[in-house]
Amino acid sequence: MNARELRNKTLDQLRDDLVALKKEAFNLRFQQATNQLENTARMRAVRRDVARVQTVLNEKAALIAE
């Protein structure tokens, strides 16, 4: 998921993506705590995807506020 793809989405789609990513991050943290996590790099990728989505949401909110 890159920023260009995210900028083409609507606010509702971005919020849905954010909720899904946060759920995935929670599940990954839970797997890590129970030593069941196989792909540790996925945690970093999800964290960065969350940050990307939040950044695009903030950009869109700033455009609307103008």
PDB file of N, CA and C in Angstrom:
ATOM      1  N   MET A   1       0.848  -1.166   0.000  1.00  0.00           N
ATOM      2  CA  MET A   1       0.000   0.000   0.000  1.00  0.00           C
ATOM      3  C   MET A   1       0.900   1.238   0.000  1.00  0.00           C
ATOM      4  N   ASN A   2       0.748   2.072  -1.014  1.00  0.00           N
ATOM      5  CA  ASN A   2       1.548   3.285  -1.043  1.00  0.00           C
ATOM      6  C   ASN A   2       0.649   4.516  -0.932  1.00  0.00           C
ATOM      7  N   ALA A   3       1.267   5.666  -0.732  1.00  0.00           N
ATOM      8  CA  ALA A   3       0.513   6.893  -0.488  1.00  0.00           C
ATOM      9  C   ALA A   3      -0.326   7.290  -1.699  1.00  0.00           C
ATOM     10  N   ARG A   4       0.158   7.006  -2.877  1.00  0.00           N
ATOM     11  CA  ARG A   4      -0.592   7.370  -4.087  1.00  0.00           C
ATOM     12  C   ARG A   4      -1.929   6.631  -4.144  1.00  0.00           C
ATOM     13  N   GLU A   5      -1.898   5.347  -3.806  1.00  0.00           N
ATOM     14  CA  GLU A   5      -3.139   4.569  -3.776  1.00  0.00           C
ATOM     15  C   GLU A   5      -4.082   5.089  -2.705  1.00  0.00           C
ATOM     16  N   LEU A   6      -3.525   5.471  -1.570  1.00  0.00           N
ATOM     17  CA  LEU A   6      -4.349   5.945  -0.464  1.00  0.00           C
ATOM     18  C   LEU A   6      -5.012   7.280  -0.790  1.00  0.00           C
ATOM     19  N   ARG A   7      -4.317   8.136  -1.500  1.00  0.00           N
ATOM     20  CA  ARG A   7      -4.881   9.451  -1.825  1.00  0.00           C
ATOM     21  C   ARG A   7      -6.069   9.347  -2.777  1.00  0.00           C
ATOM     22  N   ASN A   8      -6.185   8.245  -3.492  1.00  0.00           N
ATOM     23  CA  ASN A   8      -7.309   8.044  -4.405  1.00  0.00           C
ATOM     24  C   ASN A   8      -8.550   7.502  -3.700  1.00  0.00           C
ATOM     25  N   LYS A   9      -8.413   7.140  -2.435  1.00  0.00           N
ATOM     26  CA  LYS A   9      -9.538   6.570  -1.700  1.00  0.00           C
ATOM     27  C   LYS A   9     -10.344   7.670  -1.009  1.00  0.00           C
ATOM     28  N   THR A  10     -11.591   7.337  -0.692  1.00  0.00           N
ATOM     29  CA  THR A  10     -12.447   8.280   0.026  1.00  0.00           C
ATOM     30  C   THR A  10     -12.122   8.229   1.518  1.00  0.00           C
ATOM     31  N   LEU A  11     -12.665   9.189   2.259  1.00  0.00           N
ATOM     32  CA  LEU A  11     -12.432   9.225   3.702  1.00  0.00           C
ATOM     33  C   LEU A  11     -12.966   7.970   4.384  1.00  0.00           C
ATOM     34  N   ASP A  12     -14.129   7.503   3.957  1.00  0.00           N
ATOM     35  CA  ASP A  12     -14.701   6.299   4.566  1.00  0.00           C
ATOM     36  C   ASP A  12     -13.828   5.079   4.311  1.00  0.00           C
ATOM     37  N   GLN A  13     -13.313   4.964   3.098  1.00  0.00           N
ATOM     38  CA  GLN A  13     -12.437   3.835   2.781  1.00  0.00           C
ATOM     39  C   GLN A  13     -11.157   3.899   3.610  1.00  0.00           C
ATOM     40  N   LEU A  14     -10.619   5.097   3.786  1.00  0.00           N
ATOM     41  CA  LEU A  14      -9.402   5.254   4.582  1.00  0.00           C
ATOM     42  C   LEU A  14      -9.658   4.882   6.046  1.00  0.00           C
ATOM     43  N   ARG A  15     -10.791   5.299   6.566  1.00  0.00           N
ATOM     44  CA  ARG A  15     -11.119   4.956   7.956  1.00  0.00           C
ATOM     45  C   ARG A  15     -11.287   3.445   8.116  1.00  0.00           C
ATOM     46  N   ASP A  16     -11.901   2.809   7.133  1.00  0.00           N
ATOM     47  CA  ASP A  16     -12.050   1.348   7.181  1.00  0.00           C
ATOM     48  C   ASP A  16     -10.685   0.665   7.142  1.00  0.00           C
ATOM     49  N   ASP A  17      -9.801   1.165   6.275  1.00  0.00           N
ATOM     50  CA  ASP A  17      -8.449   0.611   6.198  1.00  0.00           C
ATOM     51  C   ASP A  17      -7.723   0.778   7.525  1.00  0.00           C
ATOM     52  N   LEU A  18      -7.893   1.940   8.154  1.00  0.00           N
ATOM     53  CA  LEU A  18      -7.229   2.208   9.421  1.00  0.00           C
ATOM     54  C   LEU A  18      -7.700   1.244  10.504  1.00  0.00           C
ATOM     55  N   VAL A  19      -8.993   1.016  10.563  1.00  0.00           N
ATOM     56  CA  VAL A  19      -9.531   0.079  11.552  1.00  0.00           C
ATOM     57  C   VAL A  19      -8.980  -1.325  11.308  1.00  0.00           C
ATOM     58  N   ALA A  20      -8.954  -1.743  10.058  1.00  0.00           N
ATOM     59  CA  ALA A  20      -8.451  -3.086   9.730  1.00  0.00           C
ATOM     60  C   ALA A  20      -6.971  -3.218  10.086  1.00  0.00           C
ATOM     61  N   LEU A  21      -6.191  -2.182   9.799  1.00  0.00           N
ATOM     62  CA  LEU A  21      -4.761  -2.229  10.105  1.00  0.00           C
ATOM     63  C   LEU A  21      -4.517  -2.257  11.611  1.00  0.00           C
ATOM     64  N   LYS A  22      -5.312  -1.505  12.355  1.00  0.00           N
ATOM     65  CA  LYS A  22      -5.136  -1.509  13.814  1.00  0.00           C
ATOM     66  C   LYS A  22      -5.516  -2.867  14.410  1.00  0.00           C
ATOM     67  N   LYS A  23      -6.534  -3.510  13.844  1.00  0.00           N
ATOM     68  CA  LYS A  23      -6.891  -4.850  14.296  1.00  0.00           C
ATOM     69  C   LYS A  23      -5.758  -5.828  14.001  1.00  0.00           C
ATOM     70  N   GLU A  24      -5.187  -5.697  12.800  1.00  0.00           N
ATOM     71  CA  GLU A  24      -4.081  -6.581  12.436  1.00  0.00           C
ATOM     72  C   GLU A  24      -2.879  -6.350  13.351  1.00  0.00           C
ATOM     73  N   ALA A  25      -2.600  -5.091  13.664  1.00  0.00           N
ATOM     74  CA  ALA A  25      -1.487  -4.784  14.561  1.00  0.00           C
ATOM     75  C   ALA A  25      -1.723  -5.401  15.937  1.00  0.00           C
ATOM     76  N   PHE A  26      -2.960  -5.320  16.422  1.00  0.00           N
ATOM     77  CA  PHE A  26      -3.289  -5.934  17.710  1.00  0.00           C
ATOM     78  C   PHE A  26      -3.052  -7.443  17.662  1.00  0.00           C
ATOM     79  N   ASN A  27      -3.532  -8.084  16.605  1.00  0.00           N
ATOM     80  CA  ASN A  27      -3.360  -9.534  16.477  1.00  0.00           C
ATOM     81  C   ASN A  27      -1.882  -9.916  16.391  1.00  0.00           C
ATOM     82  N   LEU A  28      -1.099  -9.102  15.686  1.00  0.00           N
ATOM     83  CA  LEU A  28       0.330  -9.390  15.590  1.00  0.00           C
ATOM     84  C   LEU A  28       1.016  -9.246  16.945  1.00  0.00           C
ATOM     85  N   ARG A  29       0.643  -8.224  17.705  1.00  0.00           N
ATOM     86  CA  ARG A  29       1.220  -8.057  19.043  1.00  0.00           C
ATOM     87  C   ARG A  29       0.847  -9.237  19.940  1.00  0.00           C
ATOM     88  N   PHE A  30      -0.389  -9.696  19.798  1.00  0.00           N
ATOM     89  CA  PHE A  30      -0.839 -10.840  20.601  1.00  0.00           C
ATOM     90  C   PHE A  30      -0.049 -12.087  20.219  1.00  0.00           C
ATOM     91  N   GLN A  31       0.159 -12.303  18.928  1.00  0.00           N
ATOM     92  CA  GLN A  31       0.938 -13.461  18.476  1.00  0.00           C
ATOM     93  C   GLN A  31       2.375 -13.381  18.974  1.00  0.00           C
ATOM     94  N   GLN A  32       2.931 -12.177  18.973  1.00  0.00           N
ATOM     95  CA  GLN A  32       4.304 -12.023  19.448  1.00  0.00           C
ATOM     96  C   GLN A  32       4.405 -12.345  20.936  1.00  0.00           C
ATOM     97  N   ALA A  33       3.410 -11.923  21.693  1.00  0.00           N
ATOM     98  CA  ALA A  33       3.428 -12.172  23.130  1.00  0.00           C
ATOM     99  C   ALA A  33       3.327 -13.652  23.445  1.00  0.00           C
ATOM    100  N   THR A  34       2.662 -14.404  22.606  1.00  0.00           N
ATOM    101  CA  THR A  34       2.510 -15.840  22.837  1.00  0.00           C
ATOM    102  C   THR A  34       3.521 -16.665  22.035  1.00  0.00           C
ATOM    103  N   ASN A  35       4.505 -16.002  21.470  1.00  0.00           N
ATOM    104  CA  ASN A  35       5.563 -16.651  20.690  1.00  0.00           C
ATOM    105  C   ASN A  35       5.031 -17.444  19.502  1.00  0.00           C
ATOM    106  N   GLN A  36       3.981 -16.943  18.866  1.00  0.00           N
ATOM    107  CA  GLN A  36       3.429 -17.605  17.684  1.00  0.00           C
ATOM    108  C   GLN A  36       3.674 -16.802  16.410  1.00  0.00           C
ATOM    109  N   LEU A  37       4.319 -15.655  16.531  1.00  0.00           N
ATOM    110  CA  LEU A  37       4.534 -14.793  15.379  1.00  0.00           C
ATOM    111  C   LEU A  37       5.662 -15.340  14.523  1.00  0.00           C
ATOM    112  N   GLU A  38       5.374 -15.569  13.233  1.00  0.00           N
ATOM    113  CA  GLU A  38       6.380 -16.121  12.329  1.00  0.00           C
ATOM    114  C   GLU A  38       7.074 -15.030  11.521  1.00  0.00           C
ATOM    115  N   ASN A  39       6.315 -14.050  11.059  1.00  0.00           N
ATOM    116  CA  ASN A  39       6.882 -13.001  10.215  1.00  0.00           C
ATOM    117  C   ASN A  39       6.955 -11.703  11.013  1.00  0.00           C
ATOM    118  N   THR A  40       8.082 -11.471  11.655  1.00  0.00           N
ATOM    119  CA  THR A  40       8.215 -10.286  12.502  1.00  0.00           C
ATOM    120  C   THR A  40       8.264  -9.003  11.687  1.00  0.00           C
ATOM    121  N   ALA A  41       8.651  -9.075  10.437  1.00  0.00           N
ATOM    122  CA  ALA A  41       8.720  -7.886   9.590  1.00  0.00           C
ATOM    123  C   ALA A  41       7.327  -7.322   9.303  1.00  0.00           C
ATOM    124  N   ARG A  42       6.325  -8.155   9.423  1.00  0.00           N
ATOM    125  CA  ARG A  42       4.951  -7.697   9.162  1.00  0.00           C
ATOM    126  C   ARG A  42       4.519  -6.637  10.175  1.00  0.00           C
ATOM    127  N   MET A  43       5.008  -6.733  11.406  1.00  0.00           N
ATOM    128  CA  MET A  43       4.668  -5.738  12.421  1.00  0.00           C
ATOM    129  C   MET A  43       5.125  -4.349  11.995  1.00  0.00           C
ATOM    130  N   ARG A  44       6.327  -4.274  11.493  1.00  0.00           N
ATOM    131  CA  ARG A  44       6.865  -2.985  11.042  1.00  0.00           C
ATOM    132  C   ARG A  44       6.077  -2.457   9.852  1.00  0.00           C
ATOM    133  N   ALA A  45       5.743  -3.325   8.924  1.00  0.00           N
ATOM    134  CA  ALA A  45       4.992  -2.915   7.737  1.00  0.00           C
ATOM    135  C   ALA A  45       3.606  -2.392   8.114  1.00  0.00           C
ATOM    136  N   VAL A  46       2.961  -3.062   9.050  1.00  0.00           N
ATOM    137  CA  VAL A  46       1.623  -2.633   9.476  1.00  0.00           C
ATOM    138  C   VAL A  46       1.714  -1.283  10.181  1.00  0.00           C
ATOM    139  N   ARG A  47       2.713  -1.117  11.033  1.00  0.00           N
ATOM    140  CA  ARG A  47       2.889   0.168  11.722  1.00  0.00           C
ATOM    141  C   ARG A  47       3.069   1.306  10.734  1.00  0.00           C
ATOM    142  N   ARG A  48       3.852   1.064   9.713  1.00  0.00           N
ATOM    143  CA  ARG A  48       4.089   2.094   8.704  1.00  0.00           C
ATOM    144  C   ARG A  48       2.847   2.346   7.858  1.00  0.00           C
ATOM    145  N   ASP A  49       2.080   1.299   7.571  1.00  0.00           N
ATOM    146  CA  ASP A  49       0.833   1.484   6.829  1.00  0.00           C
ATOM    147  C   ASP A  49      -0.162   2.307   7.639  1.00  0.00           C
ATOM    148  N   VAL A  50      -0.220   2.066   8.943  1.00  0.00           N
ATOM    149  CA  VAL A  50      -1.092   2.862   9.811  1.00  0.00           C
ATOM    150  C   VAL A  50      -0.679   4.329   9.735  1.00  0.00           C
ATOM    151  N   ALA A  51       0.614   4.579   9.812  1.00  0.00           N
ATOM    152  CA  ALA A  51       1.101   5.953   9.754  1.00  0.00           C
ATOM    153  C   ALA A  51       0.767   6.596   8.410  1.00  0.00           C
ATOM    154  N   ARG A  52       0.893   5.838   7.325  1.00  0.00           N
ATOM    155  CA  ARG A  52       0.569   6.368   6.001  1.00  0.00           C
ATOM    156  C   ARG A  52      -0.902   6.762   5.900  1.00  0.00           C
ATOM    157  N   VAL A  53      -1.765   5.877   6.386  1.00  0.00           N
ATOM    158  CA  VAL A  53      -3.206   6.141   6.325  1.00  0.00           C
ATOM    159  C   VAL A  53      -3.540   7.372   7.166  1.00  0.00           C
ATOM    160  N   GLN A  54      -2.962   7.464   8.357  1.00  0.00           N
ATOM    161  CA  GLN A  54      -3.229   8.614   9.207  1.00  0.00           C
ATOM    162  C   GLN A  54      -2.732   9.913   8.567  1.00  0.00           C
ATOM    163  N   THR A  55      -1.595   9.848   7.909  1.00  0.00           N
ATOM    164  CA  THR A  55      -1.062  11.027   7.236  1.00  0.00           C
ATOM    165  C   THR A  55      -1.994  11.490   6.127  1.00  0.00           C
ATOM    166  N   VAL A  56      -2.472  10.571   5.317  1.00  0.00           N
ATOM    167  CA  VAL A  56      -3.377  10.937   4.223  1.00  0.00           C
ATOM    168  C   VAL A  56      -4.701  11.460   4.779  1.00  0.00           C
ATOM    169  N   LEU A  57      -5.194  10.856   5.865  1.00  0.00           N
ATOM    170  CA  LEU A  57      -6.417  11.360   6.494  1.00  0.00           C
ATOM    171  C   LEU A  57      -6.225  12.799   6.977  1.00  0.00           C
ATOM    172  N   ASN A  58      -5.079  13.078   7.581  1.00  0.00           N
ATOM    173  CA  ASN A  58      -4.803  14.436   8.052  1.00  0.00           C
ATOM    174  C   ASN A  58      -4.682  15.417   6.893  1.00  0.00           C
ATOM    175  N   GLU A  59      -4.074  14.977   5.797  1.00  0.00           N
ATOM    176  CA  GLU A  59      -3.960  15.836   4.615  1.00  0.00           C
ATOM    177  C   GLU A  59      -5.339  16.179   4.073  1.00  0.00           C
ATOM    178  N   LYS A  60      -6.199  15.171   3.981  1.00  0.00           N
ATOM    179  CA  LYS A  60      -7.539  15.405   3.455  1.00  0.00           C
ATOM    180  C   LYS A  60      -8.343  16.294   4.406  1.00  0.00           C
ATOM    181  N   ALA A  61      -8.179  16.114   5.701  1.00  0.00           N
ATOM    182  CA  ALA A  61      -8.892  16.948   6.673  1.00  0.00           C
ATOM    183  C   ALA A  61      -8.425  18.392   6.572  1.00  0.00           C
ATOM    184  N   ALA A  62      -7.149  18.604   6.325  1.00  0.00           N
ATOM    185  CA  ALA A  62      -6.628  19.963   6.184  1.00  0.00           C
ATOM    186  C   ALA A  62      -7.173  20.627   4.928  1.00  0.00           C
ATOM    187  N   LEU A  63      -7.326  19.857   3.865  1.00  0.00           N
ATOM    188  CA  LEU A  63      -7.884  20.409   2.626  1.00  0.00           C
ATOM    189  C   LEU A  63      -9.346  20.794   2.801  1.00  0.00           C
ATOM    190  N   ILE A  64     -10.075  19.989   3.543  1.00  0.00           N
ATOM    191  CA  ILE A  64     -11.481  20.268   3.783  1.00  0.00           C
ATOM    192  C   ILE A  64     -11.642  21.506   4.674  1.00  0.00           C
ATOM    193  N   ALA A  65     -10.740  21.670   5.633  1.00  0.00           N
ATOM    194  CA  ALA A  65     -10.825  22.783   6.590  1.00  0.00           C
ATOM    195  C   ALA A  65     -10.516  24.134   5.947  1.00  0.00           C
ATOM    196  N   GLU A  66      -9.847  24.124   4.813  1.00  0.00           N
ATOM    197  CA  GLU A  66      -9.478  25.398   4.174  1.00  0.00           C
ATOM    198  C   GLU A  66     -10.651  26.130   3.623  1.00  0.00           C
TER     199      GLU A  66
END
